[in-house]
C-alpha atoms as a PDB file:
ATOM      1  CA  UNK A   1     120.269 102.347  87.829  1.00  0.00           C
ATOM      2  CA  UNK A   2     121.955 105.363  89.337  1.00  0.00           C
ATOM      3  CA  UNK A   3     120.727 106.689  92.659  1.00  0.00           C
ATOM      4  CA  UNK A   4     121.817 110.317  92.638  1.00  0.00           C
ATOM      5  CA  UNK A   5     120.095 113.660  92.830  1.00  0.00           C
ATOM      6  CA  UNK A   6     120.784 116.182  90.069  1.00  0.00           C
ATOM      7  CA  UNK A   7     121.542 118.770  92.769  1.00  0.00           C
ATOM      8  CA  UNK A   8     122.451 118.617  96.381  1.00  0.00           C
ATOM      9  CA  UNK A   9     119.305 118.779  98.495  1.00  0.00           C
ATOM     10  CA  UNK A  10     118.702 121.695 100.799  1.00  0.00           C
ATOM     11  CA  UNK A  11     119.387 121.248 104.483  1.00  0.00           C
ATOM     12  CA  UNK A  12     116.960 118.875 106.193  1.00  0.00           C
ATOM     13  CA  UNK A  13     114.035 120.104 108.237  1.00  0.00           C
ATOM     14  CA  UNK A  14     114.976 120.445 111.924  1.00  0.00           C
ATOM     15  CA  UNK A  15     113.010 117.360 112.939  1.00  0.00           C
ATOM     16  CA  UNK A  16     115.283 115.036 111.015  1.00  0.00           C
ATOM     17  CA  UNK A  17     118.032 113.261 112.919  1.00  0.00           C
ATOM     18  CA  UNK A  18     120.975 113.946 110.599  1.00  0.00           C
ATOM     19  CA  UNK A  19     122.188 114.665 107.109  1.00  0.00           C
ATOM     20  CA  UNK A  20     123.970 111.829 105.394  1.00  0.00           C
ATOM     21  CA  UNK A  21     126.230 111.991 102.403  1.00  0.00           C
ATOM     22  CA  UNK A  22     126.938 108.445 101.170  1.00  0.00           C
ATOM     23  CA  UNK A  23     129.742 107.967  98.651  1.00  0.00           C
ATOM     24  CA  UNK A  24     129.108 105.388  95.944  1.00  0.00           C
ATOM     25  CA  UNK A  25     132.317 104.956  93.959  1.00  0.00           C
ATOM     26  CA  UNK A  26     132.735 108.024  91.768  1.00  0.00           C
ATOM     27  CA  UNK A  27     129.186 109.257  92.343  1.00  0.00           C
ATOM     28  CA  UNK A  28     127.435 110.474  95.439  1.00  0.00           C
ATOM     29  CA  UNK A  29     123.924 109.739  96.628  1.00  0.00           C
ATOM     30  CA  UNK A  30     122.528 112.330  98.988  1.00  0.00           C
ATOM     31  CA  UNK A  31     120.028 111.095 101.495  1.00  0.00           C
ATOM     32  CA  UNK A  32     118.423 112.734 104.448  1.00  0.00           C
ATOM     33  CA  UNK A  33     118.147 110.232 107.265  1.00  0.00           C
ATOM     34  CA  UNK A  34     115.539 109.004 107.764  1.00  0.00           C
ATOM     35  CA  UNK A  35     114.320 109.967 104.288  1.00  0.00           C
ATOM     36  CA  UNK A  36     114.796 108.469 100.838  1.00  0.00           C
ATOM     37  CA  UNK A  37     115.521 110.831  98.000  1.00  0.00           C
ATOM     38  CA  UNK A  38     115.528 109.493  94.486  1.00  0.00           C
ATOM     39  CA  UNK A  39     114.960 111.129  91.148  1.00  0.00           C
ATOM     40  CA  UNK A  40     111.689 109.819  89.813  1.00  0.00           C
ATOM     41  CA  UNK A  41     112.621 110.122  86.110  1.00  0.00           C
ATOM     42  CA  UNK A  42     115.600 107.815  86.716  1.00  0.00           C
ATOM     43  CA  UNK A  43     113.241 104.958  87.373  1.00  0.00           C
ATOM     44  CA  UNK A  44     112.544 103.228  84.067  1.00  0.00           C
ATOM     45  CA  UNK A  45     109.438 101.224  84.640  1.00  0.00           C
ATOM     46  CA  UNK A  46     108.941  98.261  82.261  1.00  0.00           C
ATOM     47  CA  UNK A  47     106.376  98.966  79.527  1.00  0.00           C
ATOM     48  CA  UNK A  48     104.361  95.847  80.318  1.00  0.00           C
ATOM     49  CA  UNK A  49     101.026  94.990  81.729  1.00  0.00           C
ATOM     50  CA  UNK A  50     101.458  94.483  85.434  1.00  0.00           C
ATOM     51  CA  UNK A  51     100.354  91.193  86.848  1.00  0.00           C
ATOM     52  CA  UNK A  52      98.198  90.787  89.902  1.00  0.00           C
ATOM     53  CA  UNK A  53      99.146  92.934  92.880  1.00  0.00           C
ATOM     54  CA  UNK A  54     101.536  91.390  95.303  1.00  0.00           C
ATOM     55  CA  UNK A  55     100.766  90.706  98.940  1.00  0.00           C
ATOM     56  CA  UNK A  56     102.974  92.103 101.675  1.00  0.00           C
ATOM     57  CA  UNK A  57     104.048  88.516 102.281  1.00  0.00           C
ATOM     58  CA  UNK A  58     105.326  88.335  98.699  1.00  0.00           C
ATOM     59  CA  UNK A  59     107.293  91.538  99.199  1.00  0.00           C
ATOM     60  CA  UNK A  60     108.682  90.204 102.525  1.00  0.00           C
ATOM     61  CA  UNK A  61     109.886  87.057 100.763  1.00  0.00           C
ATOM     62  CA  UNK A  62     111.767  89.205  98.231  1.00  0.00           C
ATOM     63  CA  UNK A  63     113.577  91.165 100.977  1.00  0.00           C
ATOM     64  CA  UNK A  64     114.413  87.937 102.871  1.00  0.00           C
ATOM     65  CA  UNK A  65     115.778  86.438  99.610  1.00  0.00           C
ATOM     66  CA  UNK A  66     117.956  89.539  99.046  1.00  0.00           C
ATOM     67  CA  UNK A  67     119.605  89.150 102.452  1.00  0.00           C
ATOM     68  CA  UNK A  68     123.140  87.703 102.332  1.00  0.00           C
ATOM     69  CA  UNK A  69     123.795  85.953 105.695  1.00  0.00           C
ATOM     70  CA  UNK A  70     127.274  84.861 104.585  1.00  0.00           C
ATOM     71  CA  UNK A  71     128.146  88.577 104.389  1.00  0.00           C
ATOM     72  CA  UNK A  72     126.816  89.292 107.854  1.00  0.00           C
ATOM     73  CA  UNK A  73     123.359  90.378 106.682  1.00  0.00           C
ATOM     74  CA  UNK A  74     120.511  89.552 109.058  1.00  0.00           C
ATOM     75  CA  UNK A  75     116.798  89.958 108.284  1.00  0.00           C
ATOM     76  CA  UNK A  76     114.775  90.127 111.447  1.00  0.00           C
ATOM     77  CA  UNK A  77     111.056  90.623 111.678  1.00  0.00           C
ATOM     78  CA  UNK A  78     111.507  94.197 112.966  1.00  0.00           C
ATOM     79  CA  UNK A  79     113.787  95.134 110.048  1.00  0.00           C
ATOM     80  CA  UNK A  80     111.480  93.431 107.601  1.00  0.00           C
ATOM     81  CA  UNK A  81     108.526  95.496 108.784  1.00  0.00           C
ATOM     82  CA  UNK A  82     110.357  98.709 108.169  1.00  0.00           C
ATOM     83  CA  UNK A  83     111.435  97.634 104.688  1.00  0.00           C
ATOM     84  CA  UNK A  84     107.791  96.822 103.840  1.00  0.00           C
ATOM     85  CA  UNK A  85     106.791 100.315 104.974  1.00  0.00           C
ATOM     86  CA  UNK A  86     109.506 102.000 102.917  1.00  0.00           C
ATOM     87  CA  UNK A  87     108.698  99.933  99.829  1.00  0.00           C
ATOM     88  CA  UNK A  88     104.999 100.786 100.077  1.00  0.00           C
ATOM     89  CA  UNK A  89     105.855 104.463 100.474  1.00  0.00           C
ATOM     90  CA  UNK A  90     108.245 104.626  97.570  1.00  0.00           C
ATOM     91  CA  UNK A  91     105.937 102.690  95.297  1.00  0.00           C
ATOM     92  CA  UNK A  92     102.987 104.969  96.180  1.00  0.00           C
ATOM     93  CA  UNK A  93     105.076 108.026  95.416  1.00  0.00           C
ATOM     94  CA  UNK A  94     106.465 106.699  92.149  1.00  0.00           C
ATOM     95  CA  UNK A  95     103.614 104.680  90.763  1.00  0.00           C
ATOM     96  CA  UNK A  96     100.597 106.392  92.303  1.00  0.00           C
ATOM     97  CA  UNK A  97      99.330 102.995  93.472  1.00  0.00           C
ATOM     98  CA  UNK A  98     100.019 100.681  96.412  1.00  0.00           C
ATOM     99  CA  UNK A  99     102.525  97.890  96.113  1.00  0.00           C
ATOM    100  CA  UNK A 100     100.327  95.677  98.296  1.00  0.00           C
ATOM    101  CA  UNK A 101      96.853  95.955  99.858  1.00  0.00           C
ATOM    102  CA  UNK A 102      97.728  94.759 103.358  1.00  0.00           C
ATOM    103  CA  UNK A 103      97.318  97.518 105.998  1.00  0.00           C
ATOM    104  CA  UNK A 104     100.299  99.013 107.814  1.00  0.00           C
ATOM    105  CA  UNK A 105      99.687  99.801 111.457  1.00  0.00           C
ATOM    106  CA  UNK A 106     101.519 102.161 113.814  1.00  0.00           C
ATOM    107  CA  UNK A 107     102.878  99.889 116.520  1.00  0.00           C
ATOM    108  CA  UNK A 108     105.148 100.784 119.399  1.00  0.00           C
ATOM    109  CA  UNK A 109     108.292  99.970 117.435  1.00  0.00           C
ATOM    110  CA  UNK A 110     107.221 101.586 114.216  1.00  0.00           C
ATOM    111  CA  UNK A 111     105.123 100.616 111.140  1.00  0.00           C
ATOM    112  CA  UNK A 112     104.070  96.976 110.990  1.00  0.00           C
ATOM    113  CA  UNK A 113     102.112  94.779 108.559  1.00  0.00           C
ATOM    114  CA  UNK A 114     100.347  92.581 111.120  1.00  0.00           C
ATOM    115  CA  UNK A 115      99.861  89.529 108.889  1.00  0.00           C
ATOM    116  CA  UNK A 116     103.572  89.451 107.954  1.00  0.00           C
ATOM    117  CA  UNK A 117     104.585  90.096 111.554  1.00  0.00           C
ATOM    118  CA  UNK A 118     102.575  87.041 112.716  1.00  0.00           C
ATOM    119  CA  UNK A 119     103.928  84.968 109.828  1.00  0.00           C
ATOM    120  CA  UNK A 120     107.523  85.476 111.140  1.00  0.00           C
ATOM    121  CA  UNK A 121     107.076  86.090 114.839  1.00  0.00           C
ATOM    122  CA  UNK A 122     108.319  82.583 115.619  1.00  0.00           C
ATOM    123  CA  UNK A 123     111.857  83.829 114.871  1.00  0.00           C
ATOM    124  CA  UNK A 124     111.646  86.499 117.606  1.00  0.00           C
ATOM    125  CA  UNK A 125     114.636  88.839 117.256  1.00  0.00           C
ATOM    126  CA  UNK A 126     116.566  86.227 115.292  1.00  0.00           C
ATOM    127  CA  UNK A 127     117.289  85.907 111.605  1.00  0.00           C
ATOM    128  CA  UNK A 128     114.525  84.808 109.302  1.00  0.00           C
ATOM    129  CA  UNK A 129     115.680  81.902 107.062  1.00  0.00           C
ATOM    130  CA  UNK A 130     115.740  82.113 103.290  1.00  0.00           C
ATOM    131  CA  UNK A 131     112.284  81.427 101.817  1.00  0.00           C
ATOM    132  CA  UNK A 132     111.737  78.049 100.182  1.00  0.00           C
ATOM    133  CA  UNK A 133     110.559  77.949  96.558  1.00  0.00           C
ATOM    134  CA  UNK A 134     111.327  81.636  95.943  1.00  0.00           C
ATOM    135  CA  UNK A 135     110.888  82.560  92.246  1.00  0.00           C
ATOM    136  CA  UNK A 136     112.316  85.895  91.118  1.00  0.00           C
ATOM    137  CA  UNK A 137     110.210  85.800  87.908  1.00  0.00           C
ATOM    138  CA  UNK A 138     107.106  86.359  90.094  1.00  0.00           C
ATOM    139  CA  UNK A 139     108.210  90.028  90.358  1.00  0.00           C
ATOM    140  CA  UNK A 140     107.959  92.521  87.467  1.00  0.00           C
ATOM    141  CA  UNK A 141     111.099  94.461  86.587  1.00  0.00           C
ATOM    142  CA  UNK A 142     109.570  97.719  87.887  1.00  0.00           C
ATOM    143  CA  UNK A 143     108.656  96.153  91.214  1.00  0.00           C
ATOM    144  CA  UNK A 144     112.159  94.681  91.528  1.00  0.00           C
ATOM    145  CA  UNK A 145     113.603  98.127  90.763  1.00  0.00           C
ATOM    146  CA  UNK A 146     111.672  99.745  93.612  1.00  0.00           C
ATOM    147  CA  UNK A 147     112.441  96.897  96.048  1.00  0.00           C
ATOM    148  CA  UNK A 148     116.130  96.894  95.111  1.00  0.00           C
ATOM    149  CA  UNK A 149     116.302 100.675  95.692  1.00  0.00           C
ATOM    150  CA  UNK A 150     114.706 100.346  99.127  1.00  0.00           C
ATOM    151  CA  UNK A 151     116.981  97.432 100.042  1.00  0.00           C
ATOM    152  CA  UNK A 152     120.063  99.313  98.782  1.00  0.00           C
ATOM    153  CA  UNK A 153     119.276 102.446 100.778  1.00  0.00           C
ATOM    154  CA  UNK A 154     117.659 100.989 103.931  1.00  0.00           C
ATOM    155  CA  UNK A 155     118.877  97.385 103.993  1.00  0.00           C
ATOM    156  CA  UNK A 156     122.247  98.561 105.222  1.00  0.00           C
ATOM    157  CA  UNK A 157     120.770  99.760 108.546  1.00  0.00           C
ATOM    158  CA  UNK A 158     119.980  97.763 111.660  1.00  0.00           C
ATOM    159  CA  UNK A 159     116.366  97.145 112.675  1.00  0.00           C
ATOM    160  CA  UNK A 160     116.836  99.587 115.569  1.00  0.00           C
ATOM    161  CA  UNK A 161     118.116 102.359 113.308  1.00  0.00           C
ATOM    162  CA  UNK A 162     115.173 101.864 110.922  1.00  0.00           C
ATOM    163  CA  UNK A 163     112.801 101.963 113.854  1.00  0.00           C
ATOM    164  CA  UNK A 164     114.289 105.286 114.969  1.00  0.00           C
ATOM    165  CA  UNK A 165     113.958 106.627 111.422  1.00  0.00           C
ATOM    166  CA  UNK A 166     110.288 105.727 111.224  1.00  0.00           C
ATOM    167  CA  UNK A 167     109.615 107.287 114.666  1.00  0.00           C
ATOM    168  CA  UNK A 168     110.703 110.632 113.179  1.00  0.00           C
ATOM    169  CA  UNK A 169     108.423 110.393 110.108  1.00  0.00           C
ATOM    170  CA  UNK A 170     104.927 111.869 109.900  1.00  0.00           C
ATOM    171  CA  UNK A 171     102.971 108.745 108.956  1.00  0.00           C
ATOM    172  CA  UNK A 172     103.962 107.014 112.234  1.00  0.00           C
ATOM    173  CA  UNK A 173     104.135 110.094 114.424  1.00  0.00           C
ATOM    174  CA  UNK A 174     100.655 111.286 113.426  1.00  0.00           C
ATOM    175  CA  UNK A 175      98.901 107.961 113.787  1.00  0.00           C
ATOM    176  CA  UNK A 176      97.530 106.578 117.054  1.00  0.00           C
ATOM    177  CA  UNK A 177      99.366 103.472 118.313  1.00  0.00           C
ATOM    178  CA  UNK A 178      97.837 100.257 116.862  1.00  0.00           C
ATOM    179  CA  UNK A 179      95.757 102.196 114.321  1.00  0.00           C
ATOM    180  CA  UNK A 180      96.143 101.771 110.558  1.00  0.00           C
ATOM    181  CA  UNK A 181      98.563 104.252 108.931  1.00  0.00           C
ATOM    182  CA  UNK A 182      96.451 105.511 105.945  1.00  0.00           C
ATOM    183  CA  UNK A 183      97.860 105.131 102.455  1.00  0.00           C
ATOM    184  CA  UNK A 184      97.118 108.821 101.930  1.00  0.00           C
ATOM    185  CA  UNK A 185      99.383 109.647 104.898  1.00  0.00           C
ATOM    186  CA  UNK A 186     102.151 107.383 103.564  1.00  0.00           C
ATOM    187  CA  UNK A 187     101.848 108.729 100.019  1.00  0.00           C
ATOM    188  CA  UNK A 188     101.750 112.392 101.172  1.00  0.00           C
ATOM    189  CA  UNK A 189     104.942 111.874 103.131  1.00  0.00           C
ATOM    190  CA  UNK A 190     106.868 109.971 100.476  1.00  0.00           C
ATOM    191  CA  UNK A 191     105.767 112.441  97.751  1.00  0.00           C
ATOM    192  CA  UNK A 192     107.917 114.982  99.681  1.00  0.00           C
ATOM    193  CA  UNK A 193     110.890 112.554  99.598  1.00  0.00           C
ATOM    194  CA  UNK A 194     110.983 111.990  95.813  1.00  0.00           C
ATOM    195  CA  UNK A 195     112.615 114.729  93.811  1.00  0.00           C
ATOM    196  CA  UNK A 196     112.182 115.373  90.110  1.00  0.00           C
ATOM    197  CA  UNK A 197     108.522 114.275  90.138  1.00  0.00           C
END
């Protein structure tokens, strides 16, 4: 899958931190930090009946599995929470349905799925170990595609950077602390981040 825009995006709104141009070999992906821009028609969703909806815990296990500690990758609970938020947002924008039903709340350090936070809080700020019994075949090709895109774009950042990104995005900024960030709010925001829809 190629992650490029057909045209260079216009300058970011003033509230965004910076404009990034990330070279990928002989192609270029343009991304507005802290936004994700992909071309919707480039996602080729599998023409299959989708299985039961995943839980946020399932999605968390996928991201933890994707982490490569031997290459210096570290998955902390804080970083995991932000990847869950971005994956829910991208899936809502591309598929018009949630990736998981678990609520996302606006906590002090950004969006958080409380059940997943509590599942991994024992690791504190440390690395979460690889999940036992992980089975990649539990994830449809289209779900993997969205998760891989999110991991590719956002997995490269530290937990602190991701936290700062989310603090500049409407769903977190416009929600009271500790309240649920509505799916409508997440979808509305991410709909503005997907081009070619």
